[in-house]
Amino acid sequence: MRHRIFNEDGENELVFVMGWGNRWTHENVSWLIGKLTDAGYRVHAFELPTNIDDFKADWLEPIAEYVVDLDGYQLLGHSAGALIAQALDGAENHVYLSPWWGYSEAYPALLVEAVSKLPTTLPCVPVGEMDRETLGERATDHQIATTPRWVSPAFVRETRRGQEELLTIDHDAVVFCSLRDPVVSLRPIGERVPAEHVVLYDGGHELFSSASRDRHIDTLLTALEDGAEAVEENEDVDGDEEEPVPA
């Protein structure tokens, strides 16, 4: 688990649990971190190991132990980072970007279950195409080239376990997602988060790689600072897509 602090002199603490394959050297991740530090946050950013054989030991516990020492913080989790973030304690406000709370329907459930039972930690399972259509129009060549292409059956087993053990999502959580996201299932979002706390954007899996990111960054910062109520009050500011999130 790699960890780095951005803006040591920031006035407020923010924990950013990045998604699977995200690196702070990726231009669009760097763009988002820059917006967070410009807003005055001391950003504690975590890069996830891309192959695990124990969800709690390899992903959850290192971050959970770290945040215990923070005296209040705001929480931002993207994709797999949101799967971890929902189990962390102590955050004042919770914002999730494209939370990976369920495998996309593009991955048949029976196939995912069968793969998860293979007794190996060898990355031998292809993850599918990670291109601009999948990630977002602003995804760079460097980002695409450095995104892993394989995971292990153990990784599938453990991420499914994390999804099956999802806690009740905090009542003030705000979710940003796209109805065209091919990576995550929207169903767990619709089942767990009130529609008025969901901000829809036009793009792929990564808000920070989408062409519409500039239209939503202020709402994201508002959600981090003031929680879901502030987003509800400004619900007509965002929303490129009008369809409801599937429940």
C-alpha atoms as a PDB file:
ATOM      1  CA  MET A   1       0.000   0.000   0.000  1.00  0.00           C
ATOM      2  CA  ARG A   2       1.610   3.272  -1.129  1.00  0.00           C
ATOM      3  CA  HIS A   3       0.731   6.475   0.683  1.00  0.00           C
ATOM      4  CA  ARG A   4       1.624  10.096   0.066  1.00  0.00           C
ATOM      5  CA  ILE A   5       0.610  13.421   1.598  1.00  0.00           C
ATOM      6  CA  PHE A   6      -0.028  16.393  -0.681  1.00  0.00           C
ATOM      7  CA  ASN A   7      -0.066  19.963   0.687  1.00  0.00           C
ATOM      8  CA  GLU A   8       1.463  19.401   4.115  1.00  0.00           C
ATOM      9  CA  ASP A   9       0.354  22.899   5.131  1.00  0.00           C
ATOM     10  CA  GLY A  10      -3.313  22.286   4.357  1.00  0.00           C
ATOM     11  CA  GLU A  11      -5.768  23.350   7.049  1.00  0.00           C
ATOM     12  CA  ASN A  12      -8.152  20.380   6.788  1.00  0.00           C
ATOM     13  CA  GLU A  13      -7.536  16.658   6.487  1.00  0.00           C
ATOM     14  CA  LEU A  14      -8.831  14.691   3.500  1.00  0.00           C
ATOM     15  CA  VAL A  15      -8.321  10.983   2.883  1.00  0.00           C
ATOM     16  CA  PHE A  16      -8.418  10.035  -0.791  1.00  0.00           C
ATOM     17  CA  VAL A  17      -8.574   6.290  -1.468  1.00  0.00           C
ATOM     18  CA  MET A  18      -7.880   5.950  -5.166  1.00  0.00           C
ATOM     19  CA  GLY A  19      -9.274   3.319  -7.481  1.00  0.00           C
ATOM     20  CA  TRP A  20      -7.700   0.113  -8.703  1.00  0.00           C
ATOM     21  CA  GLY A  21      -4.873   0.974 -11.081  1.00  0.00           C
ATOM     22  CA  ASN A  22      -4.930   4.719 -10.289  1.00  0.00           C
ATOM     23  CA  ARG A  23      -1.567   6.378  -9.678  1.00  0.00           C
ATOM     24  CA  TRP A  24      -0.920   9.899  -8.492  1.00  0.00           C
ATOM     25  CA  THR A  25       1.417  10.235 -11.509  1.00  0.00           C
ATOM     26  CA  HIS A  26      -1.613   9.880 -13.788  1.00  0.00           C
ATOM     27  CA  GLU A  27      -2.405  13.314 -15.160  1.00  0.00           C
ATOM     28  CA  ASN A  28      -6.127  13.221 -14.340  1.00  0.00           C
ATOM     29  CA  VAL A  29      -5.577  11.919 -10.812  1.00  0.00           C
ATOM     30  CA  SER A  30      -3.056  14.721 -10.378  1.00  0.00           C
ATOM     31  CA  TRP A  31      -5.666  17.194 -11.640  1.00  0.00           C
ATOM     32  CA  LEU A  32      -8.129  16.080  -8.972  1.00  0.00           C
ATOM     33  CA  ILE A  33      -5.529  16.134  -6.203  1.00  0.00           C
ATOM     34  CA  GLY A  34      -4.590  19.641  -7.328  1.00  0.00           C
ATOM     35  CA  LYS A  35      -8.210  20.789  -6.995  1.00  0.00           C
ATOM     36  CA  LEU A  36      -8.346  19.295  -3.502  1.00  0.00           C
ATOM     37  CA  THR A  37      -5.139  20.965  -2.361  1.00  0.00           C
ATOM     38  CA  ASP A  38      -6.231  24.281  -3.903  1.00  0.00           C
ATOM     39  CA  ALA A  39      -9.332  24.007  -1.699  1.00  0.00           C
ATOM     40  CA  GLY A  40      -7.069  23.919   1.361  1.00  0.00           C
ATOM     41  CA  TYR A  41      -6.975  20.207   2.083  1.00  0.00           C
ATOM     42  CA  ARG A  42      -4.019  18.217   3.310  1.00  0.00           C
ATOM     43  CA  VAL A  43      -4.584  15.201   1.069  1.00  0.00           C
ATOM     44  CA  HIS A  44      -3.653  11.741   2.318  1.00  0.00           C
ATOM     45  CA  ALA A  45      -3.689   9.732  -0.926  1.00  0.00           C
ATOM     46  CA  PHE A  46      -3.528   5.945  -1.049  1.00  0.00           C
ATOM     47  CA  GLU A  47      -2.522   3.842  -4.053  1.00  0.00           C
ATOM     48  CA  LEU A  48      -3.989   0.362  -3.879  1.00  0.00           C
ATOM     49  CA  PRO A  49      -2.046  -2.821  -4.605  1.00  0.00           C
ATOM     50  CA  THR A  50      -3.498  -4.158  -7.841  1.00  0.00           C
ATOM     51  CA  ASN A  51      -3.378  -7.803  -6.815  1.00  0.00           C
ATOM     52  CA  ILE A  52      -4.566  -8.974  -3.395  1.00  0.00           C
ATOM     53  CA  ASP A  53      -5.380 -12.244  -1.682  1.00  0.00           C
ATOM     54  CA  ASP A  54      -7.024 -10.791   1.438  1.00  0.00           C
ATOM     55  CA  PHE A  55      -9.398  -7.814   1.200  1.00  0.00           C
ATOM     56  CA  LYS A  56      -9.085  -6.781   4.828  1.00  0.00           C
ATOM     57  CA  ALA A  57      -5.361  -7.379   5.336  1.00  0.00           C
ATOM     58  CA  ASP A  58      -4.178  -6.009   1.999  1.00  0.00           C
ATOM     59  CA  TRP A  59      -6.613  -3.136   1.437  1.00  0.00           C
ATOM     60  CA  LEU A  60      -8.818  -2.212   4.379  1.00  0.00           C
ATOM     61  CA  GLU A  61      -6.718  -2.586   7.513  1.00  0.00           C
ATOM     62  CA  PRO A  62      -3.688  -0.462   6.494  1.00  0.00           C
ATOM     63  CA  ILE A  63      -5.954   2.526   5.776  1.00  0.00           C
ATOM     64  CA  ALA A  64      -8.246   1.895   8.757  1.00  0.00           C
ATOM     65  CA  GLU A  65      -5.234   1.899  11.077  1.00  0.00           C
ATOM     66  CA  TYR A  66      -3.944   5.101   9.493  1.00  0.00           C
ATOM     67  CA  VAL A  67      -7.138   7.149   9.832  1.00  0.00           C
ATOM     68  CA  VAL A  68      -7.434   6.328  13.548  1.00  0.00           C
ATOM     69  CA  ASP A  69      -4.704   8.909  14.154  1.00  0.00           C
ATOM     70  CA  LEU A  70      -6.500  11.686  12.252  1.00  0.00           C
ATOM     71  CA  ASP A  71      -8.507  14.162  14.296  1.00  0.00           C
ATOM     72  CA  GLY A  72     -11.470  14.361  11.924  1.00  0.00           C
ATOM     73  CA  TYR A  73     -11.233  14.194   8.157  1.00  0.00           C
ATOM     74  CA  GLN A  74     -13.223  14.271   4.933  1.00  0.00           C
ATOM     75  CA  LEU A  75     -13.344  11.068   2.904  1.00  0.00           C
ATOM     76  CA  LEU A  76     -13.149  10.625  -0.860  1.00  0.00           C
ATOM     77  CA  GLY A  77     -13.098   7.180  -2.449  1.00  0.00           C
ATOM     78  CA  HIS A  78     -13.069   6.234  -6.117  1.00  0.00           C
ATOM     79  CA  SER A  79     -14.164   2.842  -7.487  1.00  0.00           C
ATOM     80  CA  ALA A  80     -12.354   0.131  -5.485  1.00  0.00           C
ATOM     81  CA  GLY A  81     -11.304   2.915  -3.139  1.00  0.00           C
ATOM     82  CA  ALA A  82     -14.982   3.489  -2.375  1.00  0.00           C
ATOM     83  CA  LEU A  83     -15.356  -0.208  -1.555  1.00  0.00           C
ATOM     84  CA  ILE A  84     -12.702   0.301   1.112  1.00  0.00           C
ATOM     85  CA  ALA A  85     -13.840   3.764   2.180  1.00  0.00           C
ATOM     86  CA  GLN A  86     -17.367   2.678   3.136  1.00  0.00           C
ATOM     87  CA  ALA A  87     -15.839   0.578   5.932  1.00  0.00           C
ATOM     88  CA  LEU A  88     -13.666   3.351   7.424  1.00  0.00           C
ATOM     89  CA  ASP A  89     -14.554   5.139  10.655  1.00  0.00           C
ATOM     90  CA  GLY A  90     -14.242   8.772  11.674  1.00  0.00           C
ATOM     91  CA  ALA A  91     -14.999  10.713   8.494  1.00  0.00           C
ATOM     92  CA  GLU A  92     -17.162  13.828   8.709  1.00  0.00           C
ATOM     93  CA  ASN A  93     -18.408  13.733   5.114  1.00  0.00           C
ATOM     94  CA  HIS A  94     -18.297  10.859   2.626  1.00  0.00           C
ATOM     95  CA  VAL A  95     -18.034  11.257  -1.147  1.00  0.00           C
ATOM     96  CA  TYR A  96     -17.825   8.269  -3.467  1.00  0.00           C
ATOM     97  CA  LEU A  97     -16.899   8.406  -7.150  1.00  0.00           C
ATOM     98  CA  SER A  98     -18.188   5.485  -9.242  1.00  0.00           C
ATOM     99  CA  PRO A  99     -18.183   3.167  -6.217  1.00  0.00           C
ATOM    100  CA  TRP A 100     -17.310  -0.427  -7.058  1.00  0.00           C
ATOM    101  CA  TRP A 101     -19.931  -1.955  -4.801  1.00  0.00           C
ATOM    102  CA  GLY A 102     -20.808  -4.596  -7.359  1.00  0.00           C
ATOM    103  CA  TYR A 103     -19.356  -6.141 -10.494  1.00  0.00           C
ATOM    104  CA  SER A 104     -20.733  -4.700 -13.706  1.00  0.00           C
ATOM    105  CA  GLU A 105     -23.432  -6.712 -15.417  1.00  0.00           C
ATOM    106  CA  ALA A 106     -20.937  -7.024 -18.280  1.00  0.00           C
ATOM    107  CA  TYR A 107     -19.276  -9.697 -16.126  1.00  0.00           C
ATOM    108  CA  PRO A 108     -21.768 -12.601 -15.796  1.00  0.00           C
ATOM    109  CA  ALA A 109     -22.317 -13.487 -12.145  1.00  0.00           C
ATOM    110  CA  LEU A 110     -21.841 -17.209 -12.688  1.00  0.00           C
ATOM    111  CA  LEU A 111     -18.550 -16.618 -14.499  1.00  0.00           C
ATOM    112  CA  VAL A 112     -17.278 -14.278 -11.767  1.00  0.00           C
ATOM    113  CA  GLU A 113     -18.200 -16.843  -9.113  1.00  0.00           C
ATOM    114  CA  ALA A 114     -16.486 -19.652 -11.003  1.00  0.00           C
ATOM    115  CA  VAL A 115     -13.302 -17.637 -11.493  1.00  0.00           C
ATOM    116  CA  SER A 116     -13.240 -16.671  -7.805  1.00  0.00           C
ATOM    117  CA  LYS A 117     -13.009 -20.333  -6.817  1.00  0.00           C
ATOM    118  CA  LEU A 118      -9.804 -21.041  -8.746  1.00  0.00           C
ATOM    119  CA  PRO A 119      -7.030 -21.655  -6.176  1.00  0.00           C
ATOM    120  CA  THR A 120      -4.360 -19.275  -7.431  1.00  0.00           C
ATOM    121  CA  THR A 121      -2.995 -15.786  -6.756  1.00  0.00           C
ATOM    122  CA  LEU A 122      -1.476 -15.581 -10.240  1.00  0.00           C
ATOM    123  CA  PRO A 123      -2.832 -12.627 -12.274  1.00  0.00           C
ATOM    124  CA  CYS A 124      -4.289 -14.637 -15.142  1.00  0.00           C
ATOM    125  CA  VAL A 125      -7.782 -13.160 -15.526  1.00  0.00           C
ATOM    126  CA  PRO A 126      -8.153 -10.361 -18.129  1.00  0.00           C
ATOM    127  CA  VAL A 127      -9.948  -7.263 -16.840  1.00  0.00           C
ATOM    128  CA  GLY A 128     -11.272  -6.117 -20.191  1.00  0.00           C
ATOM    129  CA  GLU A 129     -10.513  -3.046 -22.260  1.00  0.00           C
ATOM    130  CA  MET A 130      -9.428   0.006 -20.260  1.00  0.00           C
ATOM    131  CA  ASP A 131      -9.562   2.684 -22.943  1.00  0.00           C
ATOM    132  CA  ARG A 132     -10.940   6.219 -23.257  1.00  0.00           C
ATOM    133  CA  GLU A 133     -14.453   4.956 -23.843  1.00  0.00           C
ATOM    134  CA  THR A 134     -14.270   3.012 -20.588  1.00  0.00           C
ATOM    135  CA  LEU A 135     -12.383   5.475 -18.391  1.00  0.00           C
ATOM    136  CA  GLY A 136     -13.250   8.852 -19.889  1.00  0.00           C
ATOM    137  CA  GLU A 137     -12.423  11.063 -22.833  1.00  0.00           C
ATOM    138  CA  ARG A 138      -9.536  12.741 -21.006  1.00  0.00           C
ATOM    139  CA  ALA A 139      -7.763   9.471 -20.189  1.00  0.00           C
ATOM    140  CA  THR A 140      -4.167   9.822 -21.377  1.00  0.00           C
ATOM    141  CA  ASP A 141      -1.938   7.404 -23.260  1.00  0.00           C
ATOM    142  CA  HIS A 142       0.256   7.121 -20.148  1.00  0.00           C
ATOM    143  CA  GLN A 143      -2.723   6.327 -17.940  1.00  0.00           C
ATOM    144  CA  ILE A 144      -4.061   3.677 -20.308  1.00  0.00           C
ATOM    145  CA  ALA A 145      -0.631   2.105 -20.831  1.00  0.00           C
ATOM    146  CA  THR A 146       0.058   1.811 -17.087  1.00  0.00           C
ATOM    147  CA  THR A 147      -3.330   0.370 -16.112  1.00  0.00           C
ATOM    148  CA  PRO A 148      -2.927  -3.348 -15.299  1.00  0.00           C
ATOM    149  CA  ARG A 149      -4.565  -5.816 -17.656  1.00  0.00           C
ATOM    150  CA  TRP A 150      -4.824  -8.871 -15.403  1.00  0.00           C
ATOM    151  CA  VAL A 151      -6.043  -9.822 -11.944  1.00  0.00           C
ATOM    152  CA  SER A 152      -5.947 -13.097 -10.059  1.00  0.00           C
ATOM    153  CA  PRO A 153      -8.822 -15.386  -9.079  1.00  0.00           C
ATOM    154  CA  ALA A 154      -7.904 -14.547  -5.467  1.00  0.00           C
ATOM    155  CA  PHE A 155      -8.440 -10.861  -6.281  1.00  0.00           C
ATOM    156  CA  VAL A 156     -11.890 -11.651  -7.689  1.00  0.00           C
ATOM    157  CA  ARG A 157     -12.765 -13.725  -4.618  1.00  0.00           C
ATOM    158  CA  GLU A 158     -11.663 -11.065  -2.145  1.00  0.00           C
ATOM    159  CA  THR A 159     -13.273  -8.106  -3.908  1.00  0.00           C
ATOM    160  CA  ARG A 160     -16.534 -10.043  -4.103  1.00  0.00           C
ATOM    161  CA  ARG A 161     -16.211 -10.695  -0.383  1.00  0.00           C
ATOM    162  CA  GLY A 162     -15.784  -6.970   0.242  1.00  0.00           C
ATOM    163  CA  GLN A 163     -18.885  -6.252  -1.839  1.00  0.00           C
ATOM    164  CA  GLU A 164     -20.924  -8.910  -0.043  1.00  0.00           C
ATOM    165  CA  GLU A 165     -19.943  -7.430   3.335  1.00  0.00           C
ATOM    166  CA  LEU A 166     -20.869  -3.833   2.472  1.00  0.00           C
ATOM    167  CA  LEU A 167     -21.945  -1.850   5.512  1.00  0.00           C
ATOM    168  CA  THR A 168     -24.910   0.509   5.585  1.00  0.00           C
ATOM    169  CA  ILE A 169     -23.790   3.553   3.597  1.00  0.00           C
ATOM    170  CA  ASP A 170     -23.624   6.682   5.752  1.00  0.00           C
ATOM    171  CA  HIS A 171     -26.826   8.711   5.524  1.00  0.00           C
ATOM    172  CA  ASP A 172     -25.029  11.856   4.330  1.00  0.00           C
ATOM    173  CA  ALA A 173     -22.911  10.165   1.662  1.00  0.00           C
ATOM    174  CA  VAL A 174     -22.834  11.644  -1.845  1.00  0.00           C
ATOM    175  CA  VAL A 175     -22.188   9.508  -4.920  1.00  0.00           C
ATOM    176  CA  PHE A 176     -21.023  10.718  -8.332  1.00  0.00           C
ATOM    177  CA  CYS A 177     -21.568   8.215 -11.137  1.00  0.00           C
ATOM    178  CA  SER A 178     -22.327   7.843 -14.829  1.00  0.00           C
ATOM    179  CA  LEU A 179     -25.101   5.740 -16.287  1.00  0.00           C
ATOM    180  CA  ARG A 180     -22.640   4.772 -19.034  1.00  0.00           C
ATOM    181  CA  ASP A 181     -20.066   3.341 -16.613  1.00  0.00           C
ATOM    182  CA  PRO A 182     -19.093  -0.127 -17.933  1.00  0.00           C
ATOM    183  CA  VAL A 183     -16.961  -1.035 -14.894  1.00  0.00           C
ATOM    184  CA  VAL A 184     -19.313  -0.994 -11.902  1.00  0.00           C
ATOM    185  CA  SER A 185     -22.874  -2.062 -11.253  1.00  0.00           C
ATOM    186  CA  LEU A 186     -25.257   0.814 -10.602  1.00  0.00           C
ATOM    187  CA  ARG A 187     -27.715  -1.401  -8.748  1.00  0.00           C
ATOM    188  CA  PRO A 188     -25.963  -1.291  -5.334  1.00  0.00           C
ATOM    189  CA  ILE A 189     -25.841   2.502  -5.602  1.00  0.00           C
ATOM    190  CA  GLY A 190     -29.566   2.721  -6.274  1.00  0.00           C
ATOM    191  CA  GLU A 191     -30.294   0.303  -3.436  1.00  0.00           C
ATOM    192  CA  ARG A 192     -28.144   2.057  -0.840  1.00  0.00           C
ATOM    193  CA  VAL A 193     -28.063   5.775  -1.618  1.00  0.00           C
ATOM    194  CA  PRO A 194     -31.094   8.127  -1.905  1.00  0.00           C
ATOM    195  CA  ALA A 195     -31.555   9.488  -5.416  1.00  0.00           C
ATOM    196  CA  GLU A 196     -31.186  13.071  -4.154  1.00  0.00           C
ATOM    197  CA  HIS A 197     -27.670  12.196  -2.967  1.00  0.00           C
ATOM    198  CA  VAL A 198     -26.568  10.908  -6.382  1.00  0.00           C
ATOM    199  CA  VAL A 199     -24.958  13.270  -8.881  1.00  0.00           C
ATOM    200  CA  LEU A 200     -24.959  11.979 -12.439  1.00  0.00           C
ATOM    201  CA  TYR A 201     -22.278  13.035 -14.883  1.00  0.00           C
ATOM    202  CA  ASP A 202     -21.750  12.417 -18.573  1.00  0.00           C
ATOM    203  CA  GLY A 203     -18.759  10.175 -19.131  1.00  0.00           C
ATOM    204  CA  GLY A 204     -17.144   6.848 -18.350  1.00  0.00           C
ATOM    205  CA  HIS A 205     -15.863   5.293 -15.159  1.00  0.00           C
ATOM    206  CA  GLU A 206     -13.702   8.181 -13.942  1.00  0.00           C
ATOM    207  CA  LEU A 207     -15.241  11.558 -13.224  1.00  0.00           C
ATOM    208  CA  PHE A 208     -11.775  13.118 -13.199  1.00  0.00           C
ATOM    209  CA  SER A 209     -11.113  11.715 -16.691  1.00  0.00           C
ATOM    210  CA  SER A 210     -14.470  12.823 -18.112  1.00  0.00           C
ATOM    211  CA  ALA A 211     -14.979  15.758 -20.441  1.00  0.00           C
ATOM    212  CA  SER A 212     -17.608  17.055 -17.997  1.00  0.00           C
ATOM    213  CA  ARG A 213     -15.352  17.152 -14.924  1.00  0.00           C
ATOM    214  CA  ASP A 214     -15.131  20.950 -14.773  1.00  0.00           C
ATOM    215  CA  ARG A 215     -18.925  21.182 -14.461  1.00  0.00           C
ATOM    216  CA  HIS A 216     -18.905  18.990 -11.354  1.00  0.00           C
ATOM    217  CA  ILE A 217     -15.769  19.831  -9.419  1.00  0.00           C
ATOM    218  CA  ASP A 218     -17.429  22.617  -7.414  1.00  0.00           C
ATOM    219  CA  THR A 219     -20.253  20.274  -6.417  1.00  0.00           C
ATOM    220  CA  LEU A 220     -17.721  17.644  -5.396  1.00  0.00           C
ATOM    221  CA  LEU A 221     -15.886  20.161  -3.199  1.00  0.00           C
ATOM    222  CA  THR A 222     -19.194  21.315  -1.726  1.00  0.00           C
ATOM    223  CA  ALA A 223     -20.106  17.724  -0.876  1.00  0.00           C
ATOM    224  CA  LEU A 224     -16.769  17.227   0.860  1.00  0.00           C
ATOM    225  CA  GLU A 225     -17.069  20.426   2.843  1.00  0.00           C
ATOM    226  CA  ASP A 226     -20.761  20.535   3.697  1.00  0.00           C
ATOM    227  CA  GLY A 227     -22.184  17.071   3.020  1.00  0.00           C
ATOM    228  CA  ALA A 228     -25.288  15.866   1.238  1.00  0.00           C
ATOM    229  CA  GLU A 229     -27.627  18.654   2.352  1.00  0.00           C
ATOM    230  CA  ALA A 230     -25.565  21.231   0.489  1.00  0.00           C
ATOM    231  CA  VAL A 231     -25.727  19.096  -2.650  1.00  0.00           C
ATOM    232  CA  GLU A 232     -29.503  18.758  -2.321  1.00  0.00           C
ATOM    233  CA  GLU A 233     -29.841  22.528  -2.147  1.00  0.00           C
ATOM    234  CA  ASN A 234     -27.917  22.854  -5.412  1.00  0.00           C
ATOM    235  CA  GLU A 235     -29.225  19.766  -7.180  1.00  0.00           C
ATOM    236  CA  ASP A 236     -30.102  21.665 -10.341  1.00  0.00           C
ATOM    237  CA  VAL A 237     -26.495  22.830 -10.824  1.00  0.00           C
ATOM    238  CA  ASP A 238     -25.277  19.372 -11.880  1.00  0.00           C
ATOM    239  CA  GLY A 239     -26.740  16.428 -13.710  1.00  0.00           C
ATOM    240  CA  ASP A 240     -25.863  15.849 -17.330  1.00  0.00           C
ATOM    241  CA  GLU A 241     -28.114  12.812 -17.407  1.00  0.00           C
ATOM    242  CA  GLU A 242     -31.702  12.779 -16.216  1.00  0.00           C
ATOM    243  CA  GLU A 243     -32.506   9.058 -15.999  1.00  0.00           C
ATOM    244  CA  PRO A 244     -32.906   7.604 -12.498  1.00  0.00           C
ATOM    245  CA  VAL A 245     -30.264   5.311 -11.052  1.00  0.00           C
ATOM    246  CA  PRO A 246     -31.485   1.699 -11.345  1.00  0.00           C
ATOM    247  CA  ALA A 247     -32.732   0.194  -8.086  1.00  0.00           C
END
